[in-house]
Amino acid sequence: MLTNINPKLPMREKKLTKDFYINHLHFELLGEYDKYLIVGKDKIEIHFFEFKGLDPQENYGQVYIRTDKIENLYQSLLDNNTNIHPNGSLEVKPWGQKEFSLLDPDNNLLTFGESMK
């Protein structure tokens, strides 16, 4: 039986990734190793592996995170001066999700969504 999924995303510099997720997105540090980082918030974990040669402009890492109270989350990120993706403002999508998106320091796309049904 499958019980959970924990995406693994590339990072160039652990310090930058750690700072972004902890200080901007308010995740907790769950594990830190030589070339590996694990952060979590509520019921999710995201793992990161070091990829020094990553070209952020060619990174297509993406994670879709389901949430509730999306308006509160969105506003808290704005209040914390977290940059929302220019094409990712909070809006209701045709597929019945209210969503917004942002990019982390390595251009991994994080999309947050709440069902409107």
PDB file of N, CA and C in Angstrom:
ATOM      1  N   MET A   1       0.839  -1.177   0.000  1.00  0.00           N
ATOM      2  CA  MET A   1       0.000   0.000   0.000  1.00  0.00           C
ATOM      3  C   MET A   1       0.887   1.244   0.000  1.00  0.00           C
ATOM      4  N   LEU A   2       0.584   2.206  -0.863  1.00  0.00           N
ATOM      5  CA  LEU A   2       1.306   3.473  -0.904  1.00  0.00           C
ATOM      6  C   LEU A   2       0.752   4.385   0.190  1.00  0.00           C
ATOM      7  N   THR A   3       1.622   5.086   0.882  1.00  0.00           N
ATOM      8  CA  THR A   3       1.157   5.919   2.003  1.00  0.00           C
ATOM      9  C   THR A   3       1.541   7.385   1.898  1.00  0.00           C
ATOM     10  N   ASN A   4       2.549   7.731   1.102  1.00  0.00           N
ATOM     11  CA  ASN A   4       2.985   9.117   1.053  1.00  0.00           C
ATOM     12  C   ASN A   4       3.910   9.295  -0.137  1.00  0.00           C
ATOM     13  N   ILE A   5       4.131  10.542  -0.513  1.00  0.00           N
ATOM     14  CA  ILE A   5       5.110  10.849  -1.551  1.00  0.00           C
ATOM     15  C   ILE A   5       5.923  12.046  -1.087  1.00  0.00           C
ATOM     16  N   ASN A   6       7.230  11.956  -1.271  1.00  0.00           N
ATOM     17  CA  ASN A   6       8.134  13.026  -0.878  1.00  0.00           C
ATOM     18  C   ASN A   6       9.009  13.369  -2.079  1.00  0.00           C
ATOM     19  N   PRO A   7       8.685  14.441  -2.781  1.00  0.00           N
ATOM     20  CA  PRO A   7       9.454  14.777  -3.977  1.00  0.00           C
ATOM     21  C   PRO A   7      10.899  15.120  -3.654  1.00  0.00           C
ATOM     22  N   LYS A   8      11.779  14.828  -4.619  1.00  0.00           N
ATOM     23  CA  LYS A   8      13.191  15.176  -4.529  1.00  0.00           C
ATOM     24  C   LYS A   8      13.479  16.187  -5.633  1.00  0.00           C
ATOM     25  N   LEU A   9      13.995  17.341  -5.226  1.00  0.00           N
ATOM     26  CA  LEU A   9      14.274  18.415  -6.166  1.00  0.00           C
ATOM     27  C   LEU A   9      15.762  18.765  -6.125  1.00  0.00           C
ATOM     28  N   PRO A  10      16.284  19.284  -7.235  1.00  0.00           N
ATOM     29  CA  PRO A  10      17.694  19.684  -7.251  1.00  0.00           C
ATOM     30  C   PRO A  10      17.912  21.025  -6.560  1.00  0.00           C
ATOM     31  N   MET A  11      19.101  21.177  -5.984  1.00  0.00           N
ATOM     32  CA  MET A  11      19.508  22.465  -5.393  1.00  0.00           C
ATOM     33  C   MET A  11      20.974  22.686  -5.720  1.00  0.00           C
ATOM     34  N   ARG A  12      21.330  23.933  -5.961  1.00  0.00           N
ATOM     35  CA  ARG A  12      22.736  24.271  -6.213  1.00  0.00           C
ATOM     36  C   ARG A  12      23.479  24.523  -4.909  1.00  0.00           C
ATOM     37  N   GLU A  13      22.858  25.302  -4.021  1.00  0.00           N
ATOM     38  CA  GLU A  13      23.499  25.671  -2.761  1.00  0.00           C
ATOM     39  C   GLU A  13      22.551  25.393  -1.606  1.00  0.00           C
ATOM     40  N   LYS A  14      22.947  24.477  -0.756  1.00  0.00           N
ATOM     41  CA  LYS A  14      22.095  24.072   0.363  1.00  0.00           C
ATOM     42  C   LYS A  14      21.720  25.257   1.243  1.00  0.00           C
ATOM     43  N   LYS A  15      22.646  26.162   1.489  1.00  0.00           N
ATOM     44  CA  LYS A  15      22.379  27.312   2.363  1.00  0.00           C
ATOM     45  C   LYS A  15      21.228  28.172   1.812  1.00  0.00           C
ATOM     46  N   LEU A  16      21.237  28.441   0.506  1.00  0.00           N
ATOM     47  CA  LEU A  16      20.172  29.244  -0.114  1.00  0.00           C
ATOM     48  C   LEU A  16      18.828  28.529  -0.057  1.00  0.00           C
ATOM     49  N   THR A  17      18.838  27.254  -0.372  1.00  0.00           N
ATOM     50  CA  THR A  17      17.602  26.466  -0.349  1.00  0.00           C
ATOM     51  C   THR A  17      17.034  26.412   1.057  1.00  0.00           C
ATOM     52  N   LYS A  18      17.885  26.123   2.016  1.00  0.00           N
ATOM     53  CA  LYS A  18      17.462  26.056   3.422  1.00  0.00           C
ATOM     54  C   LYS A  18      16.881  27.385   3.879  1.00  0.00           C
ATOM     55  N   ASP A  19      17.548  28.477   3.573  1.00  0.00           N
ATOM     56  CA  ASP A  19      17.063  29.806   3.962  1.00  0.00           C
ATOM     57  C   ASP A  19      15.694  30.096   3.350  1.00  0.00           C
ATOM     58  N   PHE A  20      15.532  29.796   2.069  1.00  0.00           N
ATOM     59  CA  PHE A  20      14.271  30.080   1.394  1.00  0.00           C
ATOM     60  C   PHE A  20      13.118  29.307   2.020  1.00  0.00           C
ATOM     61  N   TYR A  21      13.281  28.014   2.185  1.00  0.00           N
ATOM     62  CA  TYR A  21      12.180  27.193   2.683  1.00  0.00           C
ATOM     63  C   TYR A  21      11.885  27.453   4.160  1.00  0.00           C
ATOM     64  N   ILE A  22      12.900  27.720   4.945  1.00  0.00           N
ATOM     65  CA  ILE A  22      12.674  27.940   6.378  1.00  0.00           C
ATOM     66  C   ILE A  22      12.233  29.373   6.662  1.00  0.00           C
ATOM     67  N   ASN A  23      12.904  30.355   6.085  1.00  0.00           N
ATOM     68  CA  ASN A  23      12.623  31.749   6.424  1.00  0.00           C
ATOM     69  C   ASN A  23      11.535  32.406   5.587  1.00  0.00           C
ATOM     70  N   HIS A  24      11.293  31.909   4.393  1.00  0.00           N
ATOM     71  CA  HIS A  24      10.247  32.504   3.550  1.00  0.00           C
ATOM     72  C   HIS A  24       8.967  31.683   3.560  1.00  0.00           C
ATOM     73  N   LEU A  25       9.107  30.353   3.494  1.00  0.00           N
ATOM     74  CA  LEU A  25       7.921  29.495   3.427  1.00  0.00           C
ATOM     75  C   LEU A  25       7.559  28.882   4.775  1.00  0.00           C
ATOM     76  N   HIS A  26       8.387  29.111   5.779  1.00  0.00           N
ATOM     77  CA  HIS A  26       8.145  28.645   7.151  1.00  0.00           C
ATOM     78  C   HIS A  26       8.071  27.127   7.274  1.00  0.00           C
ATOM     79  N   PHE A  27       8.899  26.432   6.511  1.00  0.00           N
ATOM     80  CA  PHE A  27       9.072  24.996   6.679  1.00  0.00           C
ATOM     81  C   PHE A  27      10.003  24.765   7.862  1.00  0.00           C
ATOM     82  N   GLU A  28      10.034  23.535   8.344  1.00  0.00           N
ATOM     83  CA  GLU A  28      10.961  23.140   9.399  1.00  0.00           C
ATOM     84  C   GLU A  28      12.079  22.302   8.795  1.00  0.00           C
ATOM     85  N   LEU A  29      13.240  22.395   9.386  1.00  0.00           N
ATOM     86  CA  LEU A  29      14.353  21.559   8.977  1.00  0.00           C
ATOM     87  C   LEU A  29      14.148  20.171   9.567  1.00  0.00           C
ATOM     88  N   LEU A  30      14.060  19.150   8.704  1.00  0.00           N
ATOM     89  CA  LEU A  30      13.871  17.769   9.156  1.00  0.00           C
ATOM     90  C   LEU A  30      15.144  16.946   9.070  1.00  0.00           C
ATOM     91  N   GLY A  31      16.049  17.344   8.192  1.00  0.00           N
ATOM     92  CA  GLY A  31      17.298  16.621   8.053  1.00  0.00           C
ATOM     93  C   GLY A  31      18.265  17.387   7.181  1.00  0.00           C
ATOM     94  N   GLU A  32      19.528  17.358   7.563  1.00  0.00           N
ATOM     95  CA  GLU A  32      20.558  18.052   6.791  1.00  0.00           C
ATOM     96  C   GLU A  32      21.802  17.179   6.785  1.00  0.00           C
ATOM     97  N   TYR A  33      22.236  16.853   5.585  1.00  0.00           N
ATOM     98  CA  TYR A  33      23.373  15.977   5.407  1.00  0.00           C
ATOM     99  C   TYR A  33      24.335  16.640   4.431  1.00  0.00           C
ATOM    100  N   ASP A  34      25.438  15.999   4.142  1.00  0.00           N
ATOM    101  CA  ASP A  34      26.480  16.606   3.323  1.00  0.00           C
ATOM    102  C   ASP A  34      25.924  17.237   2.047  1.00  0.00           C
ATOM    103  N   LYS A  35      25.227  16.487   1.243  1.00  0.00           N
ATOM    104  CA  LYS A  35      24.724  16.999  -0.037  1.00  0.00           C
ATOM    105  C   LYS A  35      23.222  16.761  -0.161  1.00  0.00           C
ATOM    106  N   TYR A  36      22.534  16.822   0.957  1.00  0.00           N
ATOM    107  CA  TYR A  36      21.104  16.468   0.985  1.00  0.00           C
ATOM    108  C   TYR A  36      20.413  17.306   2.065  1.00  0.00           C
ATOM    109  N   LEU A  37      19.171  17.674   1.802  1.00  0.00           N
ATOM    110  CA  LEU A  37      18.394  18.496   2.723  1.00  0.00           C
ATOM    111  C   LEU A  37      16.949  18.000   2.716  1.00  0.00           C
ATOM    112  N   ILE A  38      16.326  17.976   3.882  1.00  0.00           N
ATOM    113  CA  ILE A  38      14.916  17.602   3.996  1.00  0.00           C
ATOM    114  C   ILE A  38      14.214  18.681   4.815  1.00  0.00           C
ATOM    115  N   VAL A  39      13.142  19.228   4.250  1.00  0.00           N
ATOM    116  CA  VAL A  39      12.317  20.209   4.959  1.00  0.00           C
ATOM    117  C   VAL A  39      10.873  19.709   4.967  1.00  0.00           C
ATOM    118  N   GLY A  40      10.109  20.181   5.922  1.00  0.00           N
ATOM    119  CA  GLY A  40       8.722  19.759   6.015  1.00  0.00           C
ATOM    120  C   GLY A  40       7.842  20.829   6.624  1.00  0.00           C
ATOM    121  N   LYS A  41       6.569  20.705   6.341  1.00  0.00           N
ATOM    122  CA  LYS A  41       5.563  21.603   6.912  1.00  0.00           C
ATOM    123  C   LYS A  41       4.251  20.850   6.922  1.00  0.00           C
ATOM    124  N   ASP A  42       3.590  20.876   8.058  1.00  0.00           N
ATOM    125  CA  ASP A  42       2.336  20.154   8.222  1.00  0.00           C
ATOM    126  C   ASP A  42       2.546  18.692   7.835  1.00  0.00           C
ATOM    127  N   LYS A  43       1.882  18.216   6.777  1.00  0.00           N
ATOM    128  CA  LYS A  43       1.980  16.792   6.428  1.00  0.00           C
ATOM    129  C   LYS A  43       2.848  16.516   5.205  1.00  0.00           C
ATOM    130  N   ILE A  44       3.653  17.505   4.777  1.00  0.00           N
ATOM    131  CA  ILE A  44       4.472  17.259   3.588  1.00  0.00           C
ATOM    132  C   ILE A  44       5.958  17.369   3.911  1.00  0.00           C
ATOM    133  N   GLU A  45       6.747  16.697   3.110  1.00  0.00           N
ATOM    134  CA  GLU A  45       8.205  16.774   3.135  1.00  0.00           C
ATOM    135  C   GLU A  45       8.678  17.004   1.714  1.00  0.00           C
ATOM    136  N   ILE A  46       9.726  17.806   1.596  1.00  0.00           N
ATOM    137  CA  ILE A  46      10.405  17.950   0.313  1.00  0.00           C
ATOM    138  C   ILE A  46      11.876  17.656   0.563  1.00  0.00           C
ATOM    139  N   HIS A  47      12.452  16.811  -0.288  1.00  0.00           N
ATOM    140  CA  HIS A  47      13.857  16.442  -0.194  1.00  0.00           C
ATOM    141  C   HIS A  47      14.609  17.165  -1.312  1.00  0.00           C
ATOM    142  N   PHE A  48      15.850  17.520  -1.042  1.00  0.00           N
ATOM    143  CA  PHE A  48      16.692  18.198  -2.026  1.00  0.00           C
ATOM    144  C   PHE A  48      18.036  17.497  -2.106  1.00  0.00           C
ATOM    145  N   PHE A  49      18.535  17.344  -3.310  1.00  0.00           N
ATOM    146  CA  PHE A  49      19.857  16.775  -3.537  1.00  0.00           C
ATOM    147  C   PHE A  49      20.734  17.827  -4.206  1.00  0.00           C
ATOM    148  N   GLU A  50      22.007  17.812  -3.857  1.00  0.00           N
ATOM    149  CA  GLU A  50      22.930  18.786  -4.432  1.00  0.00           C
ATOM    150  C   GLU A  50      23.166  18.507  -5.906  1.00  0.00           C
ATOM    151  N   PHE A  51      23.059  19.560  -6.704  1.00  0.00           N
ATOM    152  CA  PHE A  51      23.322  19.497  -8.143  1.00  0.00           C
ATOM    153  C   PHE A  51      24.009  20.814  -8.503  1.00  0.00           C
ATOM    154  N   LYS A  52      25.307  20.870  -8.235  1.00  0.00           N
ATOM    155  CA  LYS A  52      26.083  22.110  -8.421  1.00  0.00           C
ATOM    156  C   LYS A  52      26.026  22.622  -9.855  1.00  0.00           C
ATOM    157  N   GLY A  53      25.959  21.729 -10.834  1.00  0.00           N
ATOM    158  CA  GLY A  53      25.960  22.135 -12.230  1.00  0.00           C
ATOM    159  C   GLY A  53      24.590  22.511 -12.775  1.00  0.00           C
ATOM    160  N   LEU A  54      23.602  22.581 -11.934  1.00  0.00           N
ATOM    161  CA  LEU A  54      22.245  22.905 -12.383  1.00  0.00           C
ATOM    162  C   LEU A  54      22.189  24.299 -12.988  1.00  0.00           C
ATOM    163  N   ASP A  55      21.623  24.402 -14.157  1.00  0.00           N
ATOM    164  CA  ASP A  55      21.325  25.702 -14.765  1.00  0.00           C
ATOM    165  C   ASP A  55      19.870  25.998 -14.442  1.00  0.00           C
ATOM    166  N   PRO A  56      19.607  26.970 -13.559  1.00  0.00           N
ATOM    167  CA  PRO A  56      18.228  27.242 -13.149  1.00  0.00           C
ATOM    168  C   PRO A  56      17.284  27.523 -14.323  1.00  0.00           C
ATOM    169  N   GLN A  57      17.819  28.090 -15.395  1.00  0.00           N
ATOM    170  CA  GLN A  57      16.967  28.390 -16.551  1.00  0.00           C
ATOM    171  C   GLN A  57      16.556  27.136 -17.314  1.00  0.00           C
ATOM    172  N   GLU A  58      17.214  26.010 -17.018  1.00  0.00           N
ATOM    173  CA  GLU A  58      16.874  24.743 -17.656  1.00  0.00           C
ATOM    174  C   GLU A  58      16.300  23.740 -16.665  1.00  0.00           C
ATOM    175  N   ASN A  59      15.925  24.215 -15.489  1.00  0.00           N
ATOM    176  CA  ASN A  59      15.368  23.336 -14.460  1.00  0.00           C
ATOM    177  C   ASN A  59      13.850  23.295 -14.600  1.00  0.00           C
ATOM    178  N   TYR A  60      13.311  22.102 -14.704  1.00  0.00           N
ATOM    179  CA  TYR A  60      11.869  21.936 -14.839  1.00  0.00           C
ATOM    180  C   TYR A  60      11.277  21.209 -13.631  1.00  0.00           C
ATOM    181  N   GLY A  61      11.993  21.251 -12.480  1.00  0.00           N
ATOM    182  CA  GLY A  61      11.471  20.642 -11.271  1.00  0.00           C
ATOM    183  C   GLY A  61      10.174  21.322 -10.853  1.00  0.00           C
ATOM    184  N   GLN A  62       9.163  20.515 -10.532  1.00  0.00           N
ATOM    185  CA  GLN A  62       7.855  21.053 -10.153  1.00  0.00           C
ATOM    186  C   GLN A  62       7.230  20.189  -9.072  1.00  0.00           C
ATOM    187  N   VAL A  63       6.516  20.849  -8.165  1.00  0.00           N
ATOM    188  CA  VAL A  63       5.764  20.156  -7.132  1.00  0.00           C
ATOM    189  C   VAL A  63       4.403  20.830  -7.013  1.00  0.00           C
ATOM    190  N   TYR A  64       3.366  20.017  -6.933  1.00  0.00           N
ATOM    191  CA  TYR A  64       2.011  20.529  -6.710  1.00  0.00           C
ATOM    192  C   TYR A  64       1.647  20.180  -5.268  1.00  0.00           C
ATOM    193  N   ILE A  65       1.334  21.197  -4.473  1.00  0.00           N
ATOM    194  CA  ILE A  65       1.046  21.013  -3.056  1.00  0.00           C
ATOM    195  C   ILE A  65      -0.404  21.385  -2.791  1.00  0.00           C
ATOM    196  N   ARG A  66      -1.184  20.404  -2.371  1.00  0.00           N
ATOM    197  CA  ARG A  66      -2.583  20.674  -2.022  1.00  0.00           C
ATOM    198  C   ARG A  66      -2.643  21.278  -0.631  1.00  0.00           C
ATOM    199  N   THR A  67      -3.553  22.222  -0.460  1.00  0.00           N
ATOM    200  CA  THR A  67      -3.668  22.937   0.799  1.00  0.00           C
ATOM    201  C   THR A  67      -5.126  23.295   1.065  1.00  0.00           C
ATOM    202  N   ASP A  68      -5.366  23.796   2.249  1.00  0.00           N
ATOM    203  CA  ASP A  68      -6.655  24.414   2.543  1.00  0.00           C
ATOM    204  C   ASP A  68      -6.356  25.820   3.055  1.00  0.00           C
ATOM    205  N   LYS A  69      -7.336  26.662   3.113  1.00  0.00           N
ATOM    206  CA  LYS A  69      -7.145  28.061   3.524  1.00  0.00           C
ATOM    207  C   LYS A  69      -6.069  28.724   2.667  1.00  0.00           C
ATOM    208  N   ILE A  70      -6.191  28.541   1.367  1.00  0.00           N
ATOM    209  CA  ILE A  70      -5.168  29.026   0.448  1.00  0.00           C
ATOM    210  C   ILE A  70      -5.021  30.543   0.480  1.00  0.00           C
ATOM    211  N   GLU A  71      -6.128  31.251   0.717  1.00  0.00           N
ATOM    212  CA  GLU A  71      -6.043  32.713   0.779  1.00  0.00           C
ATOM    213  C   GLU A  71      -5.138  33.152   1.932  1.00  0.00           C
ATOM    214  N   ASN A  72      -5.244  32.464   3.073  1.00  0.00           N
ATOM    215  CA  ASN A  72      -4.395  32.793   4.226  1.00  0.00           C
ATOM    216  C   ASN A  72      -2.919  32.521   3.910  1.00  0.00           C
ATOM    217  N   LEU A  73      -2.658  31.382   3.285  1.00  0.00           N
ATOM    218  CA  LEU A  73      -1.289  31.039   2.921  1.00  0.00           C
ATOM    219  C   LEU A  73      -0.725  32.073   1.952  1.00  0.00           C
ATOM    220  N   TYR A  74      -1.495  32.396   0.937  1.00  0.00           N
ATOM    221  CA  TYR A  74      -1.075  33.366  -0.072  1.00  0.00           C
ATOM    222  C   TYR A  74      -0.755  34.714   0.577  1.00  0.00           C
ATOM    223  N   GLN A  75      -1.645  35.181   1.438  1.00  0.00           N
ATOM    224  CA  GLN A  75      -1.438  36.474   2.088  1.00  0.00           C
ATOM    225  C   GLN A  75      -0.227  36.444   3.008  1.00  0.00           C
ATOM    226  N   SER A  76      -0.016  35.337   3.710  1.00  0.00           N
ATOM    227  CA  SER A  76       1.153  35.255   4.604  1.00  0.00           C
ATOM    228  C   SER A  76       2.449  35.318   3.810  1.00  0.00           C
ATOM    229  N   LEU A  77       2.466  34.725   2.622  1.00  0.00           N
ATOM    230  CA  LEU A  77       3.661  34.797   1.782  1.00  0.00           C
ATOM    231  C   LEU A  77       3.875  36.215   1.256  1.00  0.00           C
ATOM    232  N   LEU A  78       2.801  36.879   0.867  1.00  0.00           N
ATOM    233  CA  LEU A  78       2.918  38.275   0.434  1.00  0.00           C
ATOM    234  C   LEU A  78       3.418  39.149   1.585  1.00  0.00           C
ATOM    235  N   ASP A  79       2.868  38.934   2.782  1.00  0.00           N
ATOM    236  CA  ASP A  79       3.290  39.703   3.965  1.00  0.00           C
ATOM    237  C   ASP A  79       4.760  39.473   4.291  1.00  0.00           C
ATOM    238  N   ASN A  80       5.288  38.307   3.927  1.00  0.00           N
ATOM    239  CA  ASN A  80       6.679  37.952   4.188  1.00  0.00           C
ATOM    240  C   ASN A  80       7.586  38.337   3.008  1.00  0.00           C
ATOM    241  N   ASN A  81       7.026  39.091   2.052  1.00  0.00           N
ATOM    242  CA  ASN A  81       7.765  39.540   0.861  1.00  0.00           C
ATOM    243  C   ASN A  81       8.312  38.393   0.022  1.00  0.00           C
ATOM    244  N   THR A  82       7.588  37.280  -0.005  1.00  0.00           N
ATOM    245  CA  THR A  82       7.951  36.154  -0.857  1.00  0.00           C
ATOM    246  C   THR A  82       7.439  36.440  -2.259  1.00  0.00           C
ATOM    247  N   ASN A  83       8.318  36.303  -3.236  1.00  0.00           N
ATOM    248  CA  ASN A  83       7.932  36.593  -4.616  1.00  0.00           C
ATOM    249  C   ASN A  83       7.027  35.501  -5.168  1.00  0.00           C
ATOM    250  N   ILE A  84       5.866  35.908  -5.632  1.00  0.00           N
ATOM    251  CA  ILE A  84       4.943  35.015  -6.327  1.00  0.00           C
ATOM    252  C   ILE A  84       5.338  35.017  -7.802  1.00  0.00           C
ATOM    253  N   HIS A  85       5.235  33.878  -8.453  1.00  0.00           N
ATOM    254  CA  HIS A  85       5.569  33.789  -9.875  1.00  0.00           C
ATOM    255  C   HIS A  85       4.762  34.839 -10.643  1.00  0.00           C
ATOM    256  N   PRO A  86       5.379  35.550 -11.592  1.00  0.00           N
ATOM    257  CA  PRO A  86       4.657  36.595 -12.332  1.00  0.00           C
ATOM    258  C   PRO A  86       3.383  36.091 -13.014  1.00  0.00           C
ATOM    259  N   ASN A  87       3.358  34.813 -13.406  1.00  0.00           N
ATOM    260  CA  ASN A  87       2.165  34.239 -14.024  1.00  0.00           C
ATOM    261  C   ASN A  87       1.419  33.343 -13.051  1.00  0.00           C
ATOM    262  N   GLY A  88       1.697  33.468 -11.758  1.00  0.00           N
ATOM    263  CA  GLY A  88       1.146  32.529 -10.798  1.00  0.00           C
ATOM    264  C   GLY A  88       0.351  33.148  -9.674  1.00  0.00           C
ATOM    265  N   SER A  89      -0.274  34.298  -9.909  1.00  0.00           N
ATOM    266  CA  SER A  89      -1.103  34.909  -8.873  1.00  0.00           C
ATOM    267  C   SER A  89      -2.278  34.012  -8.519  1.00  0.00           C
ATOM    268  N   LEU A  90      -2.812  34.209  -7.352  1.00  0.00           N
ATOM    269  CA  LEU A  90      -3.937  33.405  -6.875  1.00  0.00           C
ATOM    270  C   LEU A  90      -5.144  33.584  -7.788  1.00  0.00           C
ATOM    271  N   GLU A  91      -5.650  32.459  -8.314  1.00  0.00           N
ATOM    272  CA  GLU A  91      -6.837  32.499  -9.169  1.00  0.00           C
ATOM    273  C   GLU A  91      -7.478  31.120  -9.227  1.00  0.00           C
ATOM    274  N   VAL A  92      -8.740  31.110  -9.608  1.00  0.00           N
ATOM    275  CA  VAL A  92      -9.471  29.858  -9.792  1.00  0.00           C
ATOM    276  C   VAL A  92      -9.217  29.370 -11.212  1.00  0.00           C
ATOM    277  N   LYS A  93      -8.796  28.124 -11.322  1.00  0.00           N
ATOM    278  CA  LYS A  93      -8.486  27.524 -12.619  1.00  0.00           C
ATOM    279  C   LYS A  93      -9.708  26.781 -13.162  1.00  0.00           C
ATOM    280  N   PRO A  94      -9.757  26.551 -14.480  1.00  0.00           N
ATOM    281  CA  PRO A  94     -10.906  25.850 -15.074  1.00  0.00           C
ATOM    282  C   PRO A  94     -11.120  24.444 -14.525  1.00  0.00           C
ATOM    283  N   TRP A  95     -10.084  23.836 -13.954  1.00  0.00           N
ATOM    284  CA  TRP A  95     -10.198  22.464 -13.437  1.00  0.00           C
ATOM    285  C   TRP A  95     -10.672  22.433 -11.990  1.00  0.00           C
ATOM    286  N   GLY A  96     -11.159  23.565 -11.483  1.00  0.00           N
ATOM    287  CA  GLY A  96     -11.782  23.572 -10.169  1.00  0.00           C
ATOM    288  C   GLY A  96     -10.834  23.717  -8.994  1.00  0.00           C
ATOM    289  N   GLN A  97      -9.652  24.227  -9.245  1.00  0.00           N
ATOM    290  CA  GLN A  97      -8.686  24.469  -8.179  1.00  0.00           C
ATOM    291  C   GLN A  97      -8.408  25.960  -8.082  1.00  0.00           C
ATOM    292  N   LYS A  98      -8.273  26.467  -6.873  1.00  0.00           N
ATOM    293  CA  LYS A  98      -7.748  27.813  -6.657  1.00  0.00           C
ATOM    294  C   LYS A  98      -6.260  27.626  -6.432  1.00  0.00           C
ATOM    295  N   GLU A  99      -5.424  28.331  -7.222  1.00  0.00           N
ATOM    296  CA  GLU A  99      -3.991  28.068  -7.216  1.00  0.00           C
ATOM    297  C   GLU A  99      -3.165  29.349  -7.250  1.00  0.00           C
ATOM    298  N   PHE A 100      -1.918  29.208  -6.780  1.00  0.00           N
ATOM    299  CA  PHE A 100      -0.874  30.192  -7.034  1.00  0.00           C
ATOM    300  C   PHE A 100       0.452  29.452  -7.096  1.00  0.00           C
ATOM    301  N   SER A 101       1.458  30.107  -7.672  1.00  0.00           N
ATOM    302  CA  SER A 101       2.762  29.461  -7.861  1.00  0.00           C
ATOM    303  C   SER A 101       3.895  30.409  -7.509  1.00  0.00           C
ATOM    304  N   LEU A 102       5.019  29.807  -7.158  1.00  0.00           N
ATOM    305  CA  LEU A 102       6.245  30.567  -6.927  1.00  0.00           C
ATOM    306  C   LEU A 102       7.432  29.711  -7.310  1.00  0.00           C
ATOM    307  N   LEU A 103       8.570  30.350  -7.461  1.00  0.00           N
ATOM    308  CA  LEU A 103       9.814  29.663  -7.802  1.00  0.00           C
ATOM    309  C   LEU A 103      10.769  29.735  -6.622  1.00  0.00           C
ATOM    310  N   ASP A 104      11.459  28.629  -6.361  1.00  0.00           N
ATOM    311  CA  ASP A 104      12.488  28.652  -5.320  1.00  0.00           C
ATOM    312  C   ASP A 104      13.800  29.151  -5.942  1.00  0.00           C
ATOM    313  N   PRO A 105      14.882  29.257  -5.173  1.00  0.00           N
ATOM    314  CA  PRO A 105      16.125  29.813  -5.718  1.00  0.00           C
ATOM    315  C   PRO A 105      16.710  29.058  -6.917  1.00  0.00           C
ATOM    316  N   ASP A 106      16.291  27.812  -7.126  1.00  0.00           N
ATOM    317  CA  ASP A 106      16.808  27.036  -8.252  1.00  0.00           C
ATOM    318  C   ASP A 106      15.783  26.883  -9.371  1.00  0.00           C
ATOM    319  N   ASN A 107      14.733  27.676  -9.332  1.00  0.00           N
ATOM    320  CA  ASN A 107      13.654  27.659 -10.328  1.00  0.00           C
ATOM    321  C   ASN A 107      12.809  26.399 -10.271  1.00  0.00           C
ATOM    322  N   ASN A 108      12.780  25.717  -9.126  1.00  0.00           N
ATOM    323  CA  ASN A 108      11.793  24.657  -8.932  1.00  0.00           C
ATOM    324  C   ASN A 108      10.449  25.356  -8.748  1.00  0.00           C
ATOM    325  N   LEU A 109       9.462  24.952  -9.520  1.00  0.00           N
ATOM    326  CA  LEU A 109       8.140  25.566  -9.457  1.00  0.00           C
ATOM    327  C   LEU A 109       7.298  24.894  -8.380  1.00  0.00           C
ATOM    328  N   LEU A 110       6.817  25.690  -7.441  1.00  0.00           N
ATOM    329  CA  LEU A 110       5.922  25.206  -6.391  1.00  0.00           C
ATOM    330  C   LEU A 110       4.549  25.778  -6.665  1.00  0.00           C
ATOM    331  N   THR A 111       3.579  24.911  -6.904  1.00  0.00           N
ATOM    332  CA  THR A 111       2.206  25.346  -7.117  1.00  0.00           C
ATOM    333  C   THR A 111       1.386  24.862  -5.938  1.00  0.00           C
ATOM    334  N   PHE A 112       0.639  25.772  -5.340  1.00  0.00           N
ATOM    335  CA  PHE A 112      -0.224  25.476  -4.216  1.00  0.00           C
ATOM    336  C   PHE A 112      -1.655  25.521  -4.711  1.00  0.00           C
ATOM    337  N   GLY A 113      -2.464  24.507  -4.352  1.00  0.00           N
ATOM    338  CA  GLY A 113      -3.826  24.450  -4.856  1.00  0.00           C
ATOM    339  C   GLY A 113      -4.808  23.972  -3.809  1.00  0.00           C
ATOM    340  N   GLU A 114      -6.013  24.538  -3.882  1.00  0.00           N
ATOM    341  CA  GLU A 114      -7.113  24.138  -3.010  1.00  0.00           C
ATOM    342  C   GLU A 114      -8.332  23.858  -3.890  1.00  0.00           C
ATOM    343  N   SER A 115      -8.972  22.732  -3.630  1.00  0.00           N
ATOM    344  CA  SER A 115     -10.159  22.351  -4.396  1.00  0.00           C
ATOM    345  C   SER A 115     -11.299  23.318  -4.114  1.00  0.00           C
ATOM    346  N   MET A 116     -12.006  23.689  -5.156  1.00  0.00           N
ATOM    347  CA  MET A 116     -13.151  24.585  -5.023  1.00  0.00           C
ATOM    348  C   MET A 116     -14.449  23.802  -4.948  1.00  0.00           C
ATOM    349  N   LYS A 117     -14.370  22.483  -4.945  1.00  0.00           N
ATOM    350  CA  LYS A 117     -15.565  21.650  -4.937  1.00  0.00           C
ATOM    351  C   LYS A 117     -15.990  21.328  -3.540  1.00  0.00           C
TER     352      LYS A 117
END
